[in-house]
Amino acid sequence: MDTSAYYALTDPRDGNHAPAHAIAARLATTRWQIITTNFILAETHALLLARLGRAIALRTLDAIERGATTIVRVSADDERRARAILRQYEDKDFTLTDALSFAVMERLALAYAFTFDRHFAQYGFAVLTPHG
C-alpha cells in the first residue's frame, strides 16, 4: 500500500477518497493482506503532517501500526536495488521511496499495488481499482 492510498483514505477532499474507500472495502471483504514499508509510513506521516496537521498525521500512523497491515522493513539489498532502478529508468521521475517500494514488491513477489501513483503502473505493477 502506497502513500497516495493512505492519503486518499484520510482526506475526504482528495479526489481519490471514494475510490480508495471502495478499494479498501473490497480488500477487506476478500481478506487481502495489506503490506507496506517503513518508508511509506514515514512518507505518509510527513505528507499528512504538512497537509492535514499533526493530530491527523499521528492518529493515522498509530492506526496503521495497530491494524492488520504488515510493515516490511527496507533492507540494504532493497536500497541497492532501488538505486539500480533509479539509474535504469532515467526517463522516469521515480522517487527513492517509489523505487524502494518496487524493490520490496519484487523481493516479496507482489504483483498488485494499492496506489494512485502512476509510477507503479509505469514500472509494471497492476494497480488496484474500485472494480477490479
N, C-alpha and C. Protein backbone atom coordinates (compact mmCIF):
# COMPACT_ATOMS: atom_id res chain seq x y z
N MET A 1 0.86 -1.18 0.00
CA MET A 1 0.00 0.00 0.00
C MET A 1 0.89 1.23 0.00
N ASP A 2 0.54 2.17 -0.82
CA ASP A 2 1.35 3.36 -1.05
C ASP A 2 0.80 4.58 -0.32
N THR A 3 1.65 5.58 -0.19
CA THR A 3 1.28 6.83 0.46
C THR A 3 0.04 7.45 -0.17
N SER A 4 -0.05 7.42 -1.49
CA SER A 4 -1.20 8.05 -2.15
C SER A 4 -2.51 7.41 -1.73
N ALA A 5 -2.50 6.11 -1.46
CA ALA A 5 -3.72 5.42 -0.99
C ALA A 5 -4.03 5.82 0.44
N TYR A 6 -3.02 5.85 1.29
CA TYR A 6 -3.25 6.28 2.67
C TYR A 6 -3.79 7.71 2.71
N TYR A 7 -3.21 8.58 1.88
CA TYR A 7 -3.67 9.97 1.87
C TYR A 7 -5.12 10.05 1.40
N ALA A 8 -5.44 9.35 0.32
CA ALA A 8 -6.80 9.38 -0.21
C ALA A 8 -7.81 8.85 0.80
N LEU A 9 -7.43 7.83 1.54
CA LEU A 9 -8.32 7.29 2.58
C LEU A 9 -8.55 8.29 3.70
N THR A 10 -7.55 9.11 3.98
CA THR A 10 -7.59 10.01 5.14
C THR A 10 -8.27 11.34 4.85
N ASP A 11 -8.05 11.89 3.66
CA ASP A 11 -8.55 13.24 3.35
C ASP A 11 -9.82 13.17 2.50
N PRO A 12 -10.97 13.50 3.08
CA PRO A 12 -12.22 13.43 2.32
C PRO A 12 -12.27 14.39 1.14
N ARG A 13 -11.39 15.38 1.11
CA ARG A 13 -11.36 16.33 -0.01
C ARG A 13 -10.52 15.82 -1.18
N ASP A 14 -9.78 14.75 -0.97
CA ASP A 14 -8.95 14.19 -2.03
C ASP A 14 -9.84 13.59 -3.12
N GLY A 15 -9.48 13.81 -4.37
CA GLY A 15 -10.27 13.31 -5.50
C GLY A 15 -10.37 11.79 -5.54
N ASN A 16 -9.47 11.10 -4.90
CA ASN A 16 -9.49 9.63 -4.88
C ASN A 16 -10.07 9.06 -3.59
N HIS A 17 -10.70 9.90 -2.79
CA HIS A 17 -11.22 9.45 -1.49
C HIS A 17 -12.25 8.31 -1.65
N ALA A 18 -13.25 8.52 -2.48
CA ALA A 18 -14.29 7.48 -2.67
C ALA A 18 -13.70 6.22 -3.31
N PRO A 19 -12.91 6.35 -4.39
CA PRO A 19 -12.30 5.12 -4.94
C PRO A 19 -11.42 4.39 -3.93
N ALA A 20 -10.68 5.13 -3.11
CA ALA A 20 -9.82 4.49 -2.11
C ALA A 20 -10.65 3.69 -1.12
N HIS A 21 -11.77 4.24 -0.68
CA HIS A 21 -12.61 3.51 0.26
C HIS A 21 -13.25 2.29 -0.40
N ALA A 22 -13.60 2.40 -1.68
CA ALA A 22 -14.16 1.24 -2.38
C ALA A 22 -13.11 0.13 -2.50
N ILE A 23 -11.88 0.49 -2.81
CA ILE A 23 -10.80 -0.49 -2.91
C ILE A 23 -10.55 -1.11 -1.54
N ALA A 24 -10.45 -0.29 -0.51
CA ALA A 24 -10.20 -0.79 0.84
C ALA A 24 -11.31 -1.75 1.29
N ALA A 25 -12.55 -1.42 0.97
CA ALA A 25 -13.66 -2.29 1.34
C ALA A 25 -13.57 -3.64 0.62
N ARG A 26 -13.22 -3.60 -0.66
CA ARG A 26 -13.06 -4.84 -1.42
C ARG A 26 -11.93 -5.69 -0.87
N LEU A 27 -10.82 -5.04 -0.52
CA LEU A 27 -9.69 -5.77 0.05
C LEU A 27 -10.05 -6.41 1.38
N ALA A 28 -10.82 -5.69 2.19
CA ALA A 28 -11.25 -6.24 3.48
C ALA A 28 -12.19 -7.42 3.28
N THR A 29 -13.12 -7.27 2.36
CA THR A 29 -14.09 -8.34 2.09
C THR A 29 -13.42 -9.61 1.59
N THR A 30 -12.43 -9.43 0.74
CA THR A 30 -11.73 -10.59 0.16
C THR A 30 -10.53 -11.02 0.99
N ARG A 31 -10.32 -10.33 2.12
CA ARG A 31 -9.27 -10.66 3.08
C ARG A 31 -7.86 -10.64 2.49
N TRP A 32 -7.58 -9.64 1.68
CA TRP A 32 -6.22 -9.46 1.16
C TRP A 32 -5.34 -8.98 2.29
N GLN A 33 -4.12 -9.42 2.29
CA GLN A 33 -3.14 -8.94 3.26
C GLN A 33 -2.58 -7.61 2.76
N ILE A 34 -2.64 -6.58 3.57
CA ILE A 34 -2.09 -5.27 3.21
C ILE A 34 -0.64 -5.24 3.68
N ILE A 35 0.23 -4.86 2.77
CA ILE A 35 1.66 -4.77 3.06
C ILE A 35 2.14 -3.38 2.68
N THR A 36 2.94 -2.79 3.54
CA THR A 36 3.57 -1.50 3.25
C THR A 36 4.98 -1.54 3.82
N THR A 37 5.71 -0.46 3.62
CA THR A 37 7.08 -0.40 4.14
C THR A 37 7.21 0.70 5.17
N ASN A 38 8.28 0.62 5.93
CA ASN A 38 8.57 1.66 6.90
C ASN A 38 8.82 3.00 6.20
N PHE A 39 9.31 2.98 4.97
CA PHE A 39 9.50 4.23 4.23
C PHE A 39 8.16 4.84 3.83
N ILE A 40 7.18 4.03 3.48
CA ILE A 40 5.84 4.53 3.16
C ILE A 40 5.22 5.14 4.41
N LEU A 41 5.42 4.52 5.56
CA LEU A 41 4.90 5.11 6.80
C LEU A 41 5.49 6.49 7.04
N ALA A 42 6.80 6.61 6.85
CA ALA A 42 7.45 7.91 7.07
C ALA A 42 6.94 8.94 6.07
N GLU A 43 6.81 8.55 4.81
CA GLU A 43 6.34 9.47 3.78
C GLU A 43 4.88 9.87 4.04
N THR A 44 4.06 8.91 4.44
CA THR A 44 2.65 9.19 4.73
C THR A 44 2.53 10.17 5.90
N HIS A 45 3.29 9.92 6.96
CA HIS A 45 3.25 10.82 8.11
C HIS A 45 3.65 12.23 7.71
N ALA A 46 4.72 12.36 6.92
CA ALA A 46 5.19 13.68 6.51
C ALA A 46 4.15 14.40 5.65
N LEU A 47 3.52 13.69 4.73
CA LEU A 47 2.51 14.29 3.86
C LEU A 47 1.28 14.73 4.67
N LEU A 48 0.81 13.86 5.54
CA LEU A 48 -0.35 14.21 6.36
C LEU A 48 -0.03 15.36 7.31
N LEU A 49 1.15 15.36 7.88
CA LEU A 49 1.58 16.44 8.76
C LEU A 49 1.54 17.78 8.03
N ALA A 50 2.09 17.80 6.82
CA ALA A 50 2.16 19.04 6.05
C ALA A 50 0.78 19.52 5.59
N ARG A 51 -0.09 18.59 5.22
CA ARG A 51 -1.37 18.99 4.63
C ARG A 51 -2.54 19.01 5.59
N LEU A 52 -2.54 18.11 6.58
CA LEU A 52 -3.71 17.98 7.44
C LEU A 52 -3.43 18.22 8.92
N GLY A 53 -2.16 18.34 9.28
CA GLY A 53 -1.82 18.66 10.66
C GLY A 53 -1.34 17.48 11.47
N ARG A 54 -0.75 17.85 12.61
CA ARG A 54 -0.08 16.89 13.48
C ARG A 54 -1.02 15.82 14.02
N ALA A 55 -2.19 16.20 14.47
CA ALA A 55 -3.11 15.25 15.10
C ALA A 55 -3.54 14.16 14.12
N ILE A 56 -3.93 14.55 12.93
CA ILE A 56 -4.36 13.55 11.92
C ILE A 56 -3.18 12.69 11.50
N ALA A 57 -2.01 13.30 11.33
CA ALA A 57 -0.83 12.53 10.92
C ALA A 57 -0.50 11.46 11.95
N LEU A 58 -0.50 11.83 13.21
CA LEU A 58 -0.17 10.88 14.26
C LEU A 58 -1.26 9.82 14.43
N ARG A 59 -2.51 10.24 14.37
CA ARG A 59 -3.63 9.30 14.50
C ARG A 59 -3.59 8.27 13.37
N THR A 60 -3.29 8.70 12.16
CA THR A 60 -3.22 7.78 11.02
C THR A 60 -2.05 6.82 11.17
N LEU A 61 -0.91 7.34 11.56
CA LEU A 61 0.27 6.49 11.78
C LEU A 61 -0.04 5.42 12.84
N ASP A 62 -0.64 5.84 13.94
CA ASP A 62 -0.99 4.89 15.00
C ASP A 62 -1.98 3.84 14.51
N ALA A 63 -2.98 4.26 13.73
CA ALA A 63 -3.98 3.32 13.22
C ALA A 63 -3.35 2.28 12.29
N ILE A 64 -2.45 2.72 11.46
CA ILE A 64 -1.76 1.78 10.56
C ILE A 64 -0.95 0.78 11.37
N GLU A 65 -0.21 1.28 12.32
CA GLU A 65 0.66 0.40 13.11
C GLU A 65 -0.13 -0.55 14.02
N ARG A 66 -1.32 -0.16 14.46
CA ARG A 66 -2.17 -1.02 15.30
C ARG A 66 -3.00 -1.99 14.47
N GLY A 67 -3.17 -1.70 13.20
CA GLY A 67 -4.04 -2.50 12.34
C GLY A 67 -3.39 -3.78 11.87
N ALA A 68 -4.00 -4.38 10.87
CA ALA A 68 -3.56 -5.67 10.35
C ALA A 68 -2.49 -5.55 9.27
N THR A 69 -2.10 -4.34 8.95
CA THR A 69 -1.10 -4.14 7.90
C THR A 69 0.25 -4.71 8.32
N THR A 70 0.88 -5.42 7.41
CA THR A 70 2.23 -5.91 7.63
C THR A 70 3.20 -4.82 7.19
N ILE A 71 4.05 -4.40 8.09
CA ILE A 71 5.03 -3.36 7.79
C ILE A 71 6.37 -4.04 7.54
N VAL A 72 6.85 -3.94 6.30
CA VAL A 72 8.10 -4.57 5.90
C VAL A 72 9.21 -3.54 5.99
N ARG A 73 10.27 -3.89 6.67
CA ARG A 73 11.44 -3.01 6.77
C ARG A 73 12.27 -3.13 5.49
N VAL A 74 12.66 -2.00 4.97
CA VAL A 74 13.51 -1.96 3.78
C VAL A 74 14.91 -2.46 4.18
N SER A 75 15.44 -3.38 3.40
CA SER A 75 16.76 -3.95 3.68
C SER A 75 17.85 -3.21 2.89
N ALA A 76 19.08 -3.49 3.23
CA ALA A 76 20.20 -2.91 2.48
C ALA A 76 20.16 -3.38 1.03
N ASP A 77 19.79 -4.64 0.80
CA ASP A 77 19.66 -5.13 -0.58
C ASP A 77 18.55 -4.38 -1.32
N ASP A 78 17.45 -4.09 -0.63
CA ASP A 78 16.37 -3.30 -1.25
C ASP A 78 16.88 -1.92 -1.65
N GLU A 79 17.69 -1.32 -0.78
CA GLU A 79 18.25 0.00 -1.08
C GLU A 79 19.15 -0.06 -2.31
N ARG A 80 19.97 -1.08 -2.40
CA ARG A 80 20.83 -1.23 -3.59
C ARG A 80 19.99 -1.41 -4.85
N ARG A 81 18.96 -2.25 -4.76
CA ARG A 81 18.08 -2.48 -5.90
C ARG A 81 17.36 -1.19 -6.29
N ALA A 82 16.92 -0.42 -5.31
CA ALA A 82 16.22 0.84 -5.59
C ALA A 82 17.12 1.81 -6.34
N ARG A 83 18.37 1.92 -5.92
CA ARG A 83 19.30 2.81 -6.63
C ARG A 83 19.52 2.33 -8.06
N ALA A 84 19.57 1.02 -8.25
CA ALA A 84 19.72 0.48 -9.61
C ALA A 84 18.49 0.82 -10.45
N ILE A 85 17.31 0.73 -9.85
CA ILE A 85 16.07 1.09 -10.57
C ILE A 85 16.12 2.56 -10.98
N LEU A 86 16.52 3.43 -10.07
CA LEU A 86 16.59 4.87 -10.39
C LEU A 86 17.56 5.14 -11.52
N ARG A 87 18.68 4.42 -11.54
CA ARG A 87 19.66 4.58 -12.63
C ARG A 87 19.13 4.02 -13.95
N GLN A 88 18.43 2.89 -13.88
CA GLN A 88 17.94 2.21 -15.08
C GLN A 88 16.84 3.01 -15.78
N TYR A 89 15.99 3.66 -15.03
CA TYR A 89 14.84 4.36 -15.60
C TYR A 89 15.08 5.86 -15.60
N GLU A 90 16.03 6.27 -16.39
CA GLU A 90 16.41 7.69 -16.45
C GLU A 90 15.29 8.57 -16.99
N ASP A 91 14.37 8.00 -17.75
CA ASP A 91 13.27 8.77 -18.33
C ASP A 91 12.08 8.92 -17.37
N LYS A 92 12.16 8.33 -16.18
CA LYS A 92 11.06 8.39 -15.21
C LYS A 92 11.48 9.23 -14.00
N ASP A 93 10.51 9.83 -13.35
CA ASP A 93 10.80 10.62 -12.16
C ASP A 93 10.39 9.88 -10.89
N PHE A 94 10.76 8.58 -10.82
CA PHE A 94 10.51 7.79 -9.63
C PHE A 94 11.24 8.42 -8.45
N THR A 95 10.57 8.47 -7.30
CA THR A 95 11.26 8.90 -6.08
C THR A 95 12.00 7.70 -5.50
N LEU A 96 12.89 7.97 -4.57
CA LEU A 96 13.57 6.88 -3.89
C LEU A 96 12.55 5.99 -3.17
N THR A 97 11.55 6.59 -2.57
CA THR A 97 10.53 5.80 -1.88
C THR A 97 9.77 4.92 -2.87
N ASP A 98 9.46 5.44 -4.06
CA ASP A 98 8.84 4.60 -5.10
C ASP A 98 9.74 3.41 -5.40
N ALA A 99 11.00 3.68 -5.69
CA ALA A 99 11.93 2.63 -6.07
C ALA A 99 12.13 1.61 -4.95
N LEU A 100 12.13 2.08 -3.71
CA LEU A 100 12.22 1.15 -2.58
C LEU A 100 10.98 0.26 -2.52
N SER A 101 9.82 0.84 -2.77
CA SER A 101 8.59 0.05 -2.81
C SER A 101 8.68 -1.00 -3.92
N PHE A 102 9.17 -0.61 -5.08
CA PHE A 102 9.30 -1.56 -6.19
C PHE A 102 10.23 -2.70 -5.80
N ALA A 103 11.36 -2.37 -5.17
CA ALA A 103 12.33 -3.38 -4.77
C ALA A 103 11.73 -4.36 -3.76
N VAL A 104 11.00 -3.84 -2.78
CA VAL A 104 10.37 -4.70 -1.79
C VAL A 104 9.30 -5.56 -2.46
N MET A 105 8.51 -4.98 -3.34
CA MET A 105 7.48 -5.74 -4.04
C MET A 105 8.10 -6.85 -4.88
N GLU A 106 9.22 -6.57 -5.55
CA GLU A 106 9.91 -7.61 -6.30
C GLU A 106 10.39 -8.72 -5.36
N ARG A 107 11.00 -8.33 -4.25
CA ARG A 107 11.53 -9.31 -3.30
C ARG A 107 10.44 -10.22 -2.76
N LEU A 108 9.27 -9.66 -2.51
CA LEU A 108 8.16 -10.43 -1.94
C LEU A 108 7.25 -11.03 -3.01
N ALA A 109 7.59 -10.81 -4.28
CA ALA A 109 6.80 -11.31 -5.42
C ALA A 109 5.36 -10.81 -5.37
N LEU A 110 5.20 -9.52 -5.10
CA LEU A 110 3.88 -8.89 -5.07
C LEU A 110 3.60 -8.27 -6.43
N ALA A 111 2.42 -8.51 -6.96
CA ALA A 111 2.08 -8.02 -8.30
C ALA A 111 1.14 -6.83 -8.29
N TYR A 112 0.42 -6.61 -7.19
CA TYR A 112 -0.61 -5.58 -7.14
C TYR A 112 -0.24 -4.47 -6.17
N ALA A 113 -0.61 -3.24 -6.56
CA ALA A 113 -0.35 -2.08 -5.70
C ALA A 113 -1.65 -1.32 -5.46
N PHE A 114 -1.88 -0.97 -4.21
CA PHE A 114 -2.98 -0.07 -3.84
C PHE A 114 -2.36 1.32 -3.83
N THR A 115 -2.54 2.02 -4.92
CA THR A 115 -1.89 3.31 -5.11
C THR A 115 -2.66 4.14 -6.13
N PHE A 116 -2.45 5.43 -6.09
CA PHE A 116 -2.95 6.34 -7.12
C PHE A 116 -1.77 7.02 -7.81
N ASP A 117 -0.59 6.49 -7.60
CA ASP A 117 0.66 7.00 -8.17
C ASP A 117 0.93 6.25 -9.47
N ARG A 118 0.97 6.96 -10.58
CA ARG A 118 1.16 6.37 -11.89
C ARG A 118 2.47 5.61 -12.03
N HIS A 119 3.42 5.90 -11.18
CA HIS A 119 4.75 5.27 -11.29
C HIS A 119 4.70 3.76 -11.11
N PHE A 120 3.79 3.26 -10.30
CA PHE A 120 3.70 1.82 -10.09
C PHE A 120 3.29 1.11 -11.38
N ALA A 121 2.32 1.68 -12.09
CA ALA A 121 1.93 1.10 -13.38
C ALA A 121 3.04 1.26 -14.41
N GLN A 122 3.71 2.41 -14.40
CA GLN A 122 4.83 2.62 -15.33
C GLN A 122 5.91 1.57 -15.13
N TYR A 123 6.13 1.17 -13.89
CA TYR A 123 7.15 0.18 -13.59
C TYR A 123 6.69 -1.24 -13.93
N GLY A 124 5.36 -1.43 -14.04
CA GLY A 124 4.85 -2.73 -14.45
C GLY A 124 3.96 -3.45 -13.46
N PHE A 125 3.64 -2.81 -12.35
CA PHE A 125 2.74 -3.44 -11.39
C PHE A 125 1.28 -3.20 -11.78
N ALA A 126 0.42 -4.13 -11.41
CA ALA A 126 -1.02 -3.95 -11.59
C ALA A 126 -1.51 -3.05 -10.46
N VAL A 127 -2.25 -2.02 -10.82
CA VAL A 127 -2.77 -1.07 -9.84
C VAL A 127 -4.23 -1.40 -9.58
N LEU A 128 -4.57 -1.54 -8.31
CA LEU A 128 -5.95 -1.86 -7.94
C LEU A 128 -6.88 -0.71 -8.27
N THR A 129 -8.08 -1.06 -8.68
CA THR A 129 -9.13 -0.09 -8.96
C THR A 129 -10.37 -0.50 -8.17
N PRO A 130 -11.35 0.38 -8.05
CA PRO A 130 -12.53 0.02 -7.28
C PRO A 130 -13.29 -1.19 -7.85
N HIS A 131 -13.10 -1.47 -9.13
CA HIS A 131 -13.88 -2.53 -9.79
C HIS A 131 -13.05 -3.72 -10.22
N GLY A 132 -11.82 -3.77 -9.79
CA GLY A 132 -11.04 -4.94 -10.23
C GLY A 132 -9.59 -4.85 -9.93
